[in-house]
Amino acid sequence: MSEAVETAQTSADLKQTLATLTVDYGFDFYAFLKIGSANALAVSNYPKDWQSQYLACGLFECDPVVQAARQVLRPFTWSNRRYAVNGNRKTRMFFEAAAEHGICSGLSLPISISHGSLAMMTMASRQMELRSYLLDPIWAAATVGTLAGFLLRELRPTDHGIEFLRPVERLCLTWYAEGKTYRDIADIEKMRYSNVCFHMANIRRNFGSFD
């Protein structure tokens, strides 16, 4: 995967490469997410309705895949069926909503990058359960690191499917990703609650344009 990413010349090339590799690996969708103190960005081919629902309903806050990624920082698989048995009510509701859009299981490759940021490549499937994957964590880290480096180096705010956030928006998103409510963010950053709502609304508009 790293070699394929390195041969991409443009953002369009990269998205086509990721889509092809995703199918070659036996999955249906891909999603790359990078959050933290530096530029926040995302690119995926998840169904547009799911992307809109994810952001409009604030599902980032309770996304069990992102939460697990922050904790383990190694390749891991997940599935709707597994969380239906072991997850809490909010987690089950999350996966039930995702399953309505064909996102039932997946393989995620998270790494910690500079300045406390998290980068993660996920390949998702319509299958209810995946077979076990034995992946070299060093290979996974190199692959995601290569992808993150390409995106940060080559993509610009005008590229279709990518939006860079303003510093204050990245700050709000970072706290939000750590489970803070809008009220929490306002208290922590000494901001007005209405301003936090405004910045998060901008984030949703930006992310809602991804494809």
Protein backbone atom coordinates (compact mmCIF):
# COMPACT_ATOMS: atom_id res chain seq x y z
CA MET A 1 0.00 0.00 0.00
CA SER A 2 2.82 2.43 0.85
CA GLU A 3 4.35 2.07 -2.63
CA ALA A 4 0.97 2.65 -4.28
CA VAL A 5 0.39 5.79 -2.22
CA GLU A 6 3.86 7.10 -3.07
CA THR A 7 3.16 6.81 -6.81
CA ALA A 8 0.05 9.02 -6.59
CA GLN A 9 0.61 12.42 -8.20
CA THR A 10 -2.62 14.25 -7.32
CA SER A 11 -5.44 14.04 -4.79
CA ALA A 12 -7.62 12.43 -7.48
CA ASP A 13 -4.92 9.81 -8.07
CA LEU A 14 -4.73 9.13 -4.36
CA LYS A 15 -8.47 8.67 -3.92
CA GLN A 16 -8.62 6.32 -6.90
CA THR A 17 -5.64 4.38 -5.53
CA LEU A 18 -7.24 4.05 -2.10
CA ALA A 19 -10.56 2.96 -3.60
CA THR A 20 -8.82 0.31 -5.71
CA LEU A 21 -6.68 -0.98 -2.85
CA THR A 22 -9.71 -1.13 -0.58
CA VAL A 23 -11.50 -3.44 -3.01
CA ASP A 24 -8.32 -5.48 -3.57
CA TYR A 25 -8.10 -6.09 0.18
CA GLY A 26 -11.71 -7.29 0.24
CA PHE A 27 -13.38 -4.16 1.68
CA ASP A 28 -16.00 -1.77 0.37
CA PHE A 29 -15.08 1.67 1.78
CA TYR A 30 -12.05 3.58 2.99
CA ALA A 31 -11.68 6.54 5.34
CA PHE A 32 -8.59 8.46 6.36
CA LEU A 33 -8.80 10.74 9.37
CA LYS A 34 -6.19 13.00 10.91
CA ILE A 35 -7.05 15.02 14.00
CA GLY A 36 -5.01 16.90 16.56
CA SER A 37 -3.22 20.15 17.10
CA ALA A 38 -2.11 20.58 13.47
CA ASN A 39 -4.23 20.61 10.31
CA ALA A 40 -7.29 18.40 10.70
CA LEU A 41 -8.35 16.61 7.55
CA ALA A 42 -10.34 13.67 6.30
CA VAL A 43 -10.98 11.90 3.02
CA SER A 44 -13.19 8.90 2.38
CA ASN A 45 -15.64 7.25 0.01
CA TYR A 46 -18.22 6.47 2.70
CA PRO A 47 -21.80 7.08 1.53
CA LYS A 48 -22.52 10.81 1.55
CA ASP A 49 -25.64 10.32 3.66
CA TRP A 50 -23.55 8.67 6.37
CA GLN A 51 -20.93 11.41 6.30
CA SER A 52 -23.64 14.04 6.67
CA GLN A 53 -25.38 12.17 9.49
CA TYR A 54 -22.07 11.52 11.26
CA LEU A 55 -21.28 15.20 11.51
CA ALA A 56 -24.76 16.66 11.81
CA CYS A 57 -25.58 14.37 14.77
CA GLY A 58 -22.20 14.80 16.45
CA LEU A 59 -21.38 11.09 16.17
CA PHE A 60 -17.66 11.89 16.29
CA GLU A 61 -18.03 12.26 20.05
CA CYS A 62 -19.17 8.66 20.55
CA ASP A 63 -17.48 6.90 17.63
CA PRO A 64 -16.18 3.68 19.25
CA VAL A 65 -13.65 3.14 16.47
CA VAL A 66 -11.98 6.50 17.09
CA GLN A 67 -12.09 5.88 20.84
CA ALA A 68 -10.49 2.46 20.43
CA ALA A 69 -7.84 3.89 18.10
CA ARG A 70 -6.76 6.43 20.73
CA GLN A 71 -6.41 3.68 23.31
CA VAL A 72 -4.60 0.92 21.42
CA LEU A 73 -2.61 2.72 18.69
CA ARG A 74 -2.18 -0.54 16.78
CA PRO A 75 -4.10 -2.28 13.97
CA PHE A 76 -7.45 -3.66 15.10
CA THR A 77 -10.68 -5.01 13.65
CA TRP A 78 -14.19 -4.07 14.71
CA SER A 79 -17.71 -5.12 13.84
CA ASN A 80 -21.34 -4.28 14.41
CA ARG A 81 -21.99 -7.80 15.71
CA ARG A 82 -19.18 -7.68 18.27
CA TYR A 83 -20.26 -4.35 19.74
CA ALA A 84 -23.91 -5.46 19.73
CA VAL A 85 -22.89 -7.99 22.37
CA ASN A 86 -20.26 -6.09 24.32
CA GLY A 87 -21.04 -2.41 23.72
CA ASN A 88 -23.20 0.00 25.68
CA ARG A 89 -26.47 1.44 24.38
CA LYS A 90 -24.86 4.47 22.71
CA THR A 91 -22.30 2.27 20.97
CA ARG A 92 -24.96 -0.13 19.73
CA MET A 93 -27.00 2.78 18.38
CA PHE A 94 -23.90 4.10 16.58
CA PHE A 95 -23.26 0.81 14.82
CA GLU A 96 -26.92 0.31 14.00
CA ALA A 97 -26.89 3.69 12.26
CA ALA A 98 -23.64 2.86 10.43
CA ALA A 99 -25.00 -0.52 9.33
CA GLU A 100 -27.95 1.20 7.64
CA HIS A 101 -25.34 2.66 5.27
CA GLY A 102 -23.50 -0.63 4.73
CA ILE A 103 -20.74 -0.02 7.28
CA CYS A 104 -20.80 -3.19 9.37
CA SER A 105 -17.18 -4.10 10.11
CA GLY A 106 -13.69 -2.93 9.37
CA LEU A 107 -9.96 -2.81 9.89
CA SER A 108 -8.41 0.35 11.34
CA LEU A 109 -4.73 1.34 11.36
CA PRO A 110 -4.10 4.20 13.84
CA ILE A 111 -0.79 5.87 14.61
CA SER A 112 0.32 8.76 16.78
CA ILE A 113 2.02 11.49 14.78
CA SER A 114 3.57 14.85 15.59
CA HIS A 115 2.18 17.22 18.23
CA GLY A 116 -0.13 14.62 19.74
CA SER A 117 -2.16 14.15 16.58
CA LEU A 118 -3.84 10.92 15.55
CA ALA A 119 -3.85 9.58 12.00
CA MET A 120 -5.95 6.58 11.07
CA MET A 121 -6.70 4.64 7.91
CA THR A 122 -9.86 2.52 8.04
CA MET A 123 -11.17 0.04 5.51
CA ALA A 124 -14.81 -0.88 6.11
CA SER A 125 -16.96 -3.74 4.90
CA ARG A 126 -20.62 -4.62 4.42
CA GLN A 127 -19.89 -7.98 6.04
CA MET A 128 -21.18 -8.41 9.58
CA GLU A 129 -17.90 -9.95 10.77
CA LEU A 130 -14.33 -10.05 9.46
CA ARG A 131 -11.74 -12.77 9.54
CA SER A 132 -8.74 -12.21 11.77
CA TYR A 133 -5.93 -10.06 10.42
CA LEU A 134 -2.34 -10.42 11.57
CA LEU A 135 -0.63 -7.20 10.58
CA ASP A 136 2.85 -5.97 11.29
CA PRO A 137 2.39 -2.81 13.39
CA ILE A 138 5.56 -1.33 11.89
CA TRP A 139 4.19 -1.87 8.36
CA ALA A 140 0.87 -0.34 9.40
CA ALA A 141 2.58 2.69 10.94
CA ALA A 142 4.72 3.19 7.84
CA THR A 143 1.69 2.94 5.57
CA VAL A 144 -0.45 5.40 7.50
CA GLY A 145 2.52 7.71 8.01
CA THR A 146 3.17 7.75 4.26
CA LEU A 147 -0.48 8.51 3.57
CA ALA A 148 -0.59 11.30 6.17
CA GLY A 149 2.60 12.81 4.77
CA PHE A 150 1.20 12.81 1.24
CA LEU A 151 -2.07 14.42 2.27
CA LEU A 152 -0.43 17.14 4.33
CA ARG A 153 2.15 17.87 1.65
CA GLU A 154 0.09 17.72 -1.53
CA LEU A 155 -3.50 18.62 -0.74
CA ARG A 156 -4.65 22.22 -0.57
CA PRO A 157 -7.89 23.80 0.68
CA THR A 158 -9.13 24.10 -2.92
CA ASP A 159 -8.74 20.37 -3.63
CA HIS A 160 -12.10 18.68 -4.03
CA GLY A 161 -12.82 16.44 -1.07
CA ILE A 162 -10.44 18.09 1.41
CA GLU A 163 -10.94 21.03 3.68
CA PHE A 164 -8.41 22.48 6.07
CA LEU A 165 -9.81 24.02 9.21
CA ARG A 166 -8.95 27.33 10.80
CA PRO A 167 -6.85 27.12 14.00
CA VAL A 168 -9.82 27.82 16.28
CA GLU A 169 -11.88 25.17 14.47
CA ARG A 170 -9.07 22.63 14.78
CA LEU A 171 -8.89 23.44 18.47
CA CYS A 172 -12.60 22.84 18.95
CA LEU A 173 -12.45 19.63 16.91
CA THR A 174 -9.53 18.32 18.98
CA TRP A 175 -11.44 18.81 22.25
CA TYR A 176 -14.59 17.38 20.68
CA ALA A 177 -12.68 14.29 19.54
CA GLU A 178 -11.61 13.76 23.15
CA GLY A 179 -15.22 13.61 24.25
CA LYS A 180 -15.71 17.19 25.42
CA THR A 181 -19.13 18.78 25.02
CA TYR A 182 -19.66 22.22 23.51
CA ARG A 183 -20.09 23.57 27.05
CA ASP A 184 -16.83 21.91 28.12
CA ILE A 185 -14.94 23.45 25.21
CA ALA A 186 -16.35 26.89 26.00
CA ASP A 187 -15.22 26.57 29.63
CA ILE A 188 -11.78 25.19 28.81
CA GLU A 189 -10.97 27.76 26.13
CA LYS A 190 -12.78 30.67 27.83
CA MET A 191 -15.00 31.07 24.79
CA ARG A 192 -18.66 31.88 24.48
CA TYR A 193 -20.87 28.85 24.06
CA SER A 194 -22.42 30.45 20.97
CA ASN A 195 -18.95 30.81 19.42
CA VAL A 196 -18.22 27.12 19.96
CA CYS A 197 -21.53 26.26 18.28
CA PHE A 198 -20.60 28.55 15.38
CA HIS A 199 -17.17 26.94 14.90
CA MET A 200 -18.55 23.40 15.10
CA ALA A 201 -21.22 24.31 12.54
CA ASN A 202 -18.44 25.46 10.19
CA ILE A 203 -16.64 22.16 10.73
CA ARG A 204 -19.77 20.24 9.83
CA ARG A 205 -20.23 22.27 6.67
CA ASN A 206 -16.63 21.67 5.65
CA PHE A 207 -16.65 17.96 6.40
CA GLY A 208 -20.03 17.53 4.79
CA SER A 209 -18.44 18.32 1.43
CA PHE A 210 -16.07 15.33 1.56
CA ASP A 211 -16.48 12.51 -0.91
